[in-house]
Amino acid sequence: QVQFTKAKRLANGEFAKNGEPRPKKMKLPGEPLWYRNLFPSLPYDQPTLSLGLQITPLLMAMRYKGYPVAYFSSTGWCYMRPKQAGAAAAADAHNDKHIICVEDLKKKDKDKDRRNFFYRFSALNDFVKIPHPSGSTANVGSLLSKGFYQDLKEGVISTDYPDAQEILRTNLESSYWVSTRSR
């Protein structure tokens, strides 16, 4: 899900990216890409975290219908539902059209860490695509966008962390003023 691979070290101790010598002023050498993206500019002492970042729902441990969420560039946001058998599977058959085939994702996704994530969890879980407010063919780009405010209010999208719940509540309450200011 999150890329934790670090840059390789060269023989002289410097870091390399894809076997290439690192630039003289590499931002936070040795740290994973998702972490480096939290520091947009110098000085690199304070991370900048906002609700618009792709990593935010993962850091907030967000859930959709009580299930953990995952993001894949080819399908957008999904949730991991345990595989069901028998009557439970028949009762939840309406979601089957949204279940993502892991083999298709393997072909589309070139990132080795993400493919390993799929395989590790696909034996026990189904990846179900979160329905987009515009229709089932669209991919969900952000769980914190305006189209999901009703789901946030109703608790369909939730988190277990009290601080994250407070952030979501504040975001919902101020959404009108944020959109008015941007106009």
C-alpha atoms as a PDB file:
ATOM      1  CA  GLN A   1       0.000   0.000   0.000  1.00  0.00           C
ATOM      2  CA  VAL A   2       2.569   2.533   1.120  1.00  0.00           C
ATOM      3  CA  GLN A   3       5.967   2.265  -0.518  1.00  0.00           C
ATOM      4  CA  PHE A   4       8.538   1.586   2.178  1.00  0.00           C
ATOM      5  CA  THR A   5      11.438   0.721  -0.088  1.00  0.00           C
ATOM      6  CA  LYS A   6      14.410   2.920   0.563  1.00  0.00           C
ATOM      7  CA  ALA A   7      17.006   4.130  -1.892  1.00  0.00           C
ATOM      8  CA  LYS A   8      19.965   1.782  -2.482  1.00  0.00           C
ATOM      9  CA  ARG A   9      23.397   2.673  -1.182  1.00  0.00           C
ATOM     10  CA  LEU A  10      26.343   3.051  -3.513  1.00  0.00           C
ATOM     11  CA  ALA A  11      29.738   1.540  -2.708  1.00  0.00           C
ATOM     12  CA  ASN A  12      30.995   4.888  -1.365  1.00  0.00           C
ATOM     13  CA  GLY A  13      28.055   5.108   1.085  1.00  0.00           C
ATOM     14  CA  GLU A  14      25.953   7.558  -0.914  1.00  0.00           C
ATOM     15  CA  PHE A  15      22.364   6.754  -1.742  1.00  0.00           C
ATOM     16  CA  ALA A  16      21.237   5.898  -5.251  1.00  0.00           C
ATOM     17  CA  LYS A  17      17.863   5.855  -6.969  1.00  0.00           C
ATOM     18  CA  ASN A  18      17.339   3.038  -9.456  1.00  0.00           C
ATOM     19  CA  GLY A  19      21.093   2.509  -9.597  1.00  0.00           C
ATOM     20  CA  GLU A  20      21.761   6.139 -10.533  1.00  0.00           C
ATOM     21  CA  PRO A  21      24.018   8.329  -8.369  1.00  0.00           C
ATOM     22  CA  ARG A  22      21.935  10.516  -6.094  1.00  0.00           C
ATOM     23  CA  PRO A  23      21.648  14.239  -6.762  1.00  0.00           C
ATOM     24  CA  LYS A  24      23.798  16.485  -4.602  1.00  0.00           C
ATOM     25  CA  LYS A  25      20.753  17.919  -2.807  1.00  0.00           C
ATOM     26  CA  MET A  26      18.436  14.943  -2.495  1.00  0.00           C
ATOM     27  CA  LYS A  27      15.468  15.609  -0.236  1.00  0.00           C
ATOM     28  CA  LEU A  28      15.620  13.395   2.895  1.00  0.00           C
ATOM     29  CA  PRO A  29      17.880  10.668   1.489  1.00  0.00           C
ATOM     30  CA  GLY A  30      17.026   7.155   2.577  1.00  0.00           C
ATOM     31  CA  GLU A  31      13.401   7.939   3.482  1.00  0.00           C
ATOM     32  CA  PRO A  32      10.470   6.380   1.569  1.00  0.00           C
ATOM     33  CA  LEU A  33       8.775   8.476  -1.122  1.00  0.00           C
ATOM     34  CA  TRP A  34       5.460   8.850   0.754  1.00  0.00           C
ATOM     35  CA  TYR A  35       7.349  10.317   3.717  1.00  0.00           C
ATOM     36  CA  ARG A  36       9.457  12.682   1.586  1.00  0.00           C
ATOM     37  CA  ASN A  37       6.244  14.011  -0.014  1.00  0.00           C
ATOM     38  CA  LEU A  38       5.112  15.251   3.419  1.00  0.00           C
ATOM     39  CA  PHE A  39       7.960  17.796   3.333  1.00  0.00           C
ATOM     40  CA  PRO A  40       7.314  20.054   0.320  1.00  0.00           C
ATOM     41  CA  SER A  41      10.064  22.612   0.978  1.00  0.00           C
ATOM     42  CA  LEU A  42      13.029  23.507   3.146  1.00  0.00           C
ATOM     43  CA  PRO A  43      13.511  23.262   6.075  1.00  0.00           C
ATOM     44  CA  TYR A  44      12.581  19.605   6.392  1.00  0.00           C
ATOM     45  CA  ASP A  45      11.835  19.767  10.115  1.00  0.00           C
ATOM     46  CA  GLN A  46       8.015  19.928  10.066  1.00  0.00           C
ATOM     47  CA  PRO A  47       5.812  17.717   7.854  1.00  0.00           C
ATOM     48  CA  THR A  48       2.895  19.301   6.001  1.00  0.00           C
ATOM     49  CA  LEU A  49      -0.156  17.095   6.271  1.00  0.00           C
ATOM     50  CA  SER A  50      -3.479  18.113   4.738  1.00  0.00           C
ATOM     51  CA  LEU A  51      -6.747  16.383   3.952  1.00  0.00           C
ATOM     52  CA  GLY A  52      -5.991  16.699   0.241  1.00  0.00           C
ATOM     53  CA  LEU A  53      -2.994  14.357   0.314  1.00  0.00           C
ATOM     54  CA  GLN A  54      -3.420  10.802  -0.976  1.00  0.00           C
ATOM     55  CA  ILE A  55      -1.760   9.351   2.123  1.00  0.00           C
ATOM     56  CA  THR A  56      -4.077  11.056   4.648  1.00  0.00           C
ATOM     57  CA  PRO A  57      -6.856   8.398   4.755  1.00  0.00           C
ATOM     58  CA  LEU A  58      -4.214   5.724   5.361  1.00  0.00           C
ATOM     59  CA  LEU A  59      -2.528   7.690   8.145  1.00  0.00           C
ATOM     60  CA  MET A  60      -5.959   8.288   9.729  1.00  0.00           C
ATOM     61  CA  ALA A  61      -6.727   4.529   9.479  1.00  0.00           C
ATOM     62  CA  MET A  62     -10.006   5.282   7.734  1.00  0.00           C
ATOM     63  CA  ARG A  63     -12.610   2.603   7.174  1.00  0.00           C
ATOM     64  CA  TYR A  64     -15.461   2.203   4.714  1.00  0.00           C
ATOM     65  CA  LYS A  65     -18.446   0.301   6.175  1.00  0.00           C
ATOM     66  CA  GLY A  66     -16.096  -0.798   8.960  1.00  0.00           C
ATOM     67  CA  TYR A  67     -13.481  -2.279   6.600  1.00  0.00           C
ATOM     68  CA  PRO A  68      -9.964  -0.874   6.065  1.00  0.00           C
ATOM     69  CA  VAL A  69      -9.383   1.127   2.886  1.00  0.00           C
ATOM     70  CA  ALA A  70      -6.622   0.812   0.311  1.00  0.00           C
ATOM     71  CA  TYR A  71      -5.696   2.968  -2.688  1.00  0.00           C
ATOM     72  CA  PHE A  72      -4.566   1.694  -6.072  1.00  0.00           C
ATOM     73  CA  SER A  73      -3.807   3.986  -8.990  1.00  0.00           C
ATOM     74  CA  SER A  74      -5.628   1.764 -11.479  1.00  0.00           C
ATOM     75  CA  THR A  75      -8.894   1.480  -9.494  1.00  0.00           C
ATOM     76  CA  GLY A  76      -8.975   4.304  -6.950  1.00  0.00           C
ATOM     77  CA  TRP A  77     -10.033   3.694  -3.347  1.00  0.00           C
ATOM     78  CA  CYS A  78     -11.196   0.222  -2.344  1.00  0.00           C
ATOM     79  CA  TYR A  79     -12.003  -1.504   0.904  1.00  0.00           C
ATOM     80  CA  MET A  80     -10.826  -4.933   2.022  1.00  0.00           C
ATOM     81  CA  ARG A  81     -13.769  -7.159   2.879  1.00  0.00           C
ATOM     82  CA  PRO A  82     -13.189 -10.688   4.198  1.00  0.00           C
ATOM     83  CA  LYS A  83     -14.115 -13.337   1.640  1.00  0.00           C
ATOM     84  CA  GLN A  84     -17.547 -14.728   2.311  1.00  0.00           C
ATOM     85  CA  ALA A  85     -19.002 -18.153   1.681  1.00  0.00           C
ATOM     86  CA  GLY A  86     -22.477 -19.619   1.481  1.00  0.00           C
ATOM     87  CA  ALA A  87     -25.496 -17.530   2.472  1.00  0.00           C
ATOM     88  CA  ALA A  88     -23.426 -14.480   3.421  1.00  0.00           C
ATOM     89  CA  ALA A  89     -21.925 -14.370  -0.068  1.00  0.00           C
ATOM     90  CA  ALA A  90     -25.365 -14.670  -1.694  1.00  0.00           C
ATOM     91  CA  ALA A  91     -26.762 -11.894   0.499  1.00  0.00           C
ATOM     92  CA  ASP A  92     -23.929  -9.577  -0.495  1.00  0.00           C
ATOM     93  CA  ALA A  93     -24.009 -10.472  -4.202  1.00  0.00           C
ATOM     94  CA  HIS A  94     -24.826  -6.908  -5.244  1.00  0.00           C
ATOM     95  CA  ASN A  95     -21.242  -5.891  -4.377  1.00  0.00           C
ATOM     96  CA  ASP A  96     -19.727  -8.646  -6.536  1.00  0.00           C
ATOM     97  CA  LYS A  97     -19.674  -6.384  -9.576  1.00  0.00           C
ATOM     98  CA  HIS A  98     -17.347  -4.063  -7.641  1.00  0.00           C
ATOM     99  CA  ILE A  99     -14.889  -6.779  -6.558  1.00  0.00           C
ATOM    100  CA  ILE A 100     -11.526  -6.181  -8.172  1.00  0.00           C
ATOM    101  CA  CYS A 101      -9.708  -9.057  -9.811  1.00  0.00           C
ATOM    102  CA  VAL A 102      -6.218  -9.314  -8.336  1.00  0.00           C
ATOM    103  CA  GLU A 103      -4.843 -10.732 -11.590  1.00  0.00           C
ATOM    104  CA  ASP A 104      -5.964  -7.596 -13.465  1.00  0.00           C
ATOM    105  CA  LEU A 105      -4.274  -5.403 -10.874  1.00  0.00           C
ATOM    106  CA  LYS A 106      -1.092  -7.442 -11.186  1.00  0.00           C
ATOM    107  CA  LYS A 107      -0.934  -6.628 -14.905  1.00  0.00           C
ATOM    108  CA  LYS A 108      -1.703  -2.920 -14.416  1.00  0.00           C
ATOM    109  CA  ASP A 109       0.493  -2.226 -11.400  1.00  0.00           C
ATOM    110  CA  LYS A 110       4.236  -2.227 -11.966  1.00  0.00           C
ATOM    111  CA  ASP A 111       5.092  -1.460  -8.331  1.00  0.00           C
ATOM    112  CA  LYS A 112       6.502  -4.602  -6.698  1.00  0.00           C
ATOM    113  CA  ASP A 113       5.567  -3.534  -3.135  1.00  0.00           C
ATOM    114  CA  ARG A 114       1.950  -2.930  -4.102  1.00  0.00           C
ATOM    115  CA  ARG A 115       1.728  -6.278  -5.933  1.00  0.00           C
ATOM    116  CA  ASN A 116       3.023  -8.002  -2.802  1.00  0.00           C
ATOM    117  CA  PHE A 117       0.347  -6.170  -0.803  1.00  0.00           C
ATOM    118  CA  PHE A 118      -2.340  -7.537  -3.155  1.00  0.00           C
ATOM    119  CA  TYR A 119      -1.124 -11.109  -2.846  1.00  0.00           C
ATOM    120  CA  ARG A 120      -0.666 -10.997   0.904  1.00  0.00           C
ATOM    121  CA  PHE A 121      -4.267  -9.911   1.517  1.00  0.00           C
ATOM    122  CA  SER A 122      -6.106 -11.381  -1.478  1.00  0.00           C
ATOM    123  CA  ALA A 123      -6.205 -14.944  -0.092  1.00  0.00           C
ATOM    124  CA  LEU A 124      -8.485 -13.917   2.776  1.00  0.00           C
ATOM    125  CA  ASN A 125     -10.010 -10.671   1.499  1.00  0.00           C
ATOM    126  CA  ASP A 126     -11.829  -9.256  -1.489  1.00  0.00           C
ATOM    127  CA  PHE A 127     -10.873  -5.788  -2.663  1.00  0.00           C
ATOM    128  CA  VAL A 128     -14.178  -4.012  -3.286  1.00  0.00           C
ATOM    129  CA  LYS A 129     -14.168  -0.770  -5.231  1.00  0.00           C
ATOM    130  CA  ILE A 130     -15.807   2.083  -3.324  1.00  0.00           C
ATOM    131  CA  PRO A 131     -18.700   3.393  -5.430  1.00  0.00           C
ATOM    132  CA  HIS A 132     -18.199   6.871  -6.862  1.00  0.00           C
ATOM    133  CA  PRO A 133     -21.070   9.375  -6.510  1.00  0.00           C
ATOM    134  CA  SER A 134     -20.934   9.929 -10.305  1.00  0.00           C
ATOM    135  CA  GLY A 135     -21.401   6.256 -11.152  1.00  0.00           C
ATOM    136  CA  SER A 136     -19.773   2.860 -10.928  1.00  0.00           C
ATOM    137  CA  THR A 137     -17.338   3.406 -13.810  1.00  0.00           C
ATOM    138  CA  ALA A 138     -15.533   6.330 -12.137  1.00  0.00           C
ATOM    139  CA  ASN A 139     -12.640   5.804  -9.711  1.00  0.00           C
ATOM    140  CA  VAL A 140     -12.737   7.419  -6.278  1.00  0.00           C
ATOM    141  CA  GLY A 141      -9.785   9.789  -6.032  1.00  0.00           C
ATOM    142  CA  SER A 142     -10.371  11.090  -2.511  1.00  0.00           C
ATOM    143  CA  LEU A 143     -12.508   9.803   0.353  1.00  0.00           C
ATOM    144  CA  LEU A 144     -12.540  13.305   1.812  1.00  0.00           C
ATOM    145  CA  SER A 145     -14.043  15.015  -1.240  1.00  0.00           C
ATOM    146  CA  LYS A 146     -17.389  16.791  -1.279  1.00  0.00           C
ATOM    147  CA  GLY A 147     -19.214  13.784  -2.754  1.00  0.00           C
ATOM    148  CA  PHE A 148     -18.493  11.732   0.369  1.00  0.00           C
ATOM    149  CA  TYR A 149     -19.583  14.254   3.010  1.00  0.00           C
ATOM    150  CA  GLN A 150     -22.896  12.442   3.515  1.00  0.00           C
ATOM    151  CA  ASP A 151     -21.043   9.141   4.043  1.00  0.00           C
ATOM    152  CA  LEU A 152     -18.793  10.872   6.586  1.00  0.00           C
ATOM    153  CA  LYS A 153     -21.824  12.295   8.429  1.00  0.00           C
ATOM    154  CA  GLU A 154     -23.594   8.923   8.502  1.00  0.00           C
ATOM    155  CA  GLY A 155     -20.484   7.048   9.641  1.00  0.00           C
ATOM    156  CA  VAL A 156     -20.110   4.947   6.480  1.00  0.00           C
ATOM    157  CA  ILE A 157     -16.594   6.388   6.271  1.00  0.00           C
ATOM    158  CA  SER A 158     -15.058   6.406   9.733  1.00  0.00           C
ATOM    159  CA  THR A 159     -11.898   6.092  11.777  1.00  0.00           C
ATOM    160  CA  ASP A 160     -11.094   4.630  15.198  1.00  0.00           C
ATOM    161  CA  TYR A 161      -8.841   7.501  16.280  1.00  0.00           C
ATOM    162  CA  PRO A 162     -10.618  10.232  18.311  1.00  0.00           C
ATOM    163  CA  ASP A 163      -8.287  12.964  16.979  1.00  0.00           C
ATOM    164  CA  ALA A 164      -8.953  11.900  13.387  1.00  0.00           C
ATOM    165  CA  GLN A 165     -12.713  11.891  14.074  1.00  0.00           C
ATOM    166  CA  GLU A 166     -12.416  15.450  15.348  1.00  0.00           C
ATOM    167  CA  ILE A 167     -10.503  16.471  12.206  1.00  0.00           C
ATOM    168  CA  LEU A 168     -13.207  14.925  10.008  1.00  0.00           C
ATOM    169  CA  ARG A 169     -15.985  16.629  12.002  1.00  0.00           C
ATOM    170  CA  THR A 170     -14.241  20.008  11.755  1.00  0.00           C
ATOM    171  CA  ASN A 171     -13.704  19.485   8.033  1.00  0.00           C
ATOM    172  CA  LEU A 172     -17.428  18.781   7.554  1.00  0.00           C
ATOM    173  CA  GLU A 173     -18.475  21.816   9.560  1.00  0.00           C
ATOM    174  CA  SER A 174     -16.140  24.178   7.703  1.00  0.00           C
ATOM    175  CA  SER A 175     -16.674  22.782   4.195  1.00  0.00           C
ATOM    176  CA  TYR A 176     -19.194  25.494   3.263  1.00  0.00           C
ATOM    177  CA  TRP A 177     -16.822  28.272   4.269  1.00  0.00           C
ATOM    178  CA  VAL A 178     -13.863  26.700   2.502  1.00  0.00           C
ATOM    179  CA  SER A 179     -15.790  26.427  -0.773  1.00  0.00           C
ATOM    180  CA  THR A 180     -17.119  29.975  -0.425  1.00  0.00           C
ATOM    181  CA  ARG A 181     -13.631  31.335   0.178  1.00  0.00           C
ATOM    182  CA  SER A 182     -12.268  29.571  -2.911  1.00  0.00           C
ATOM    183  CA  ARG A 183     -14.880  31.238  -5.118  1.00  0.00           C
END
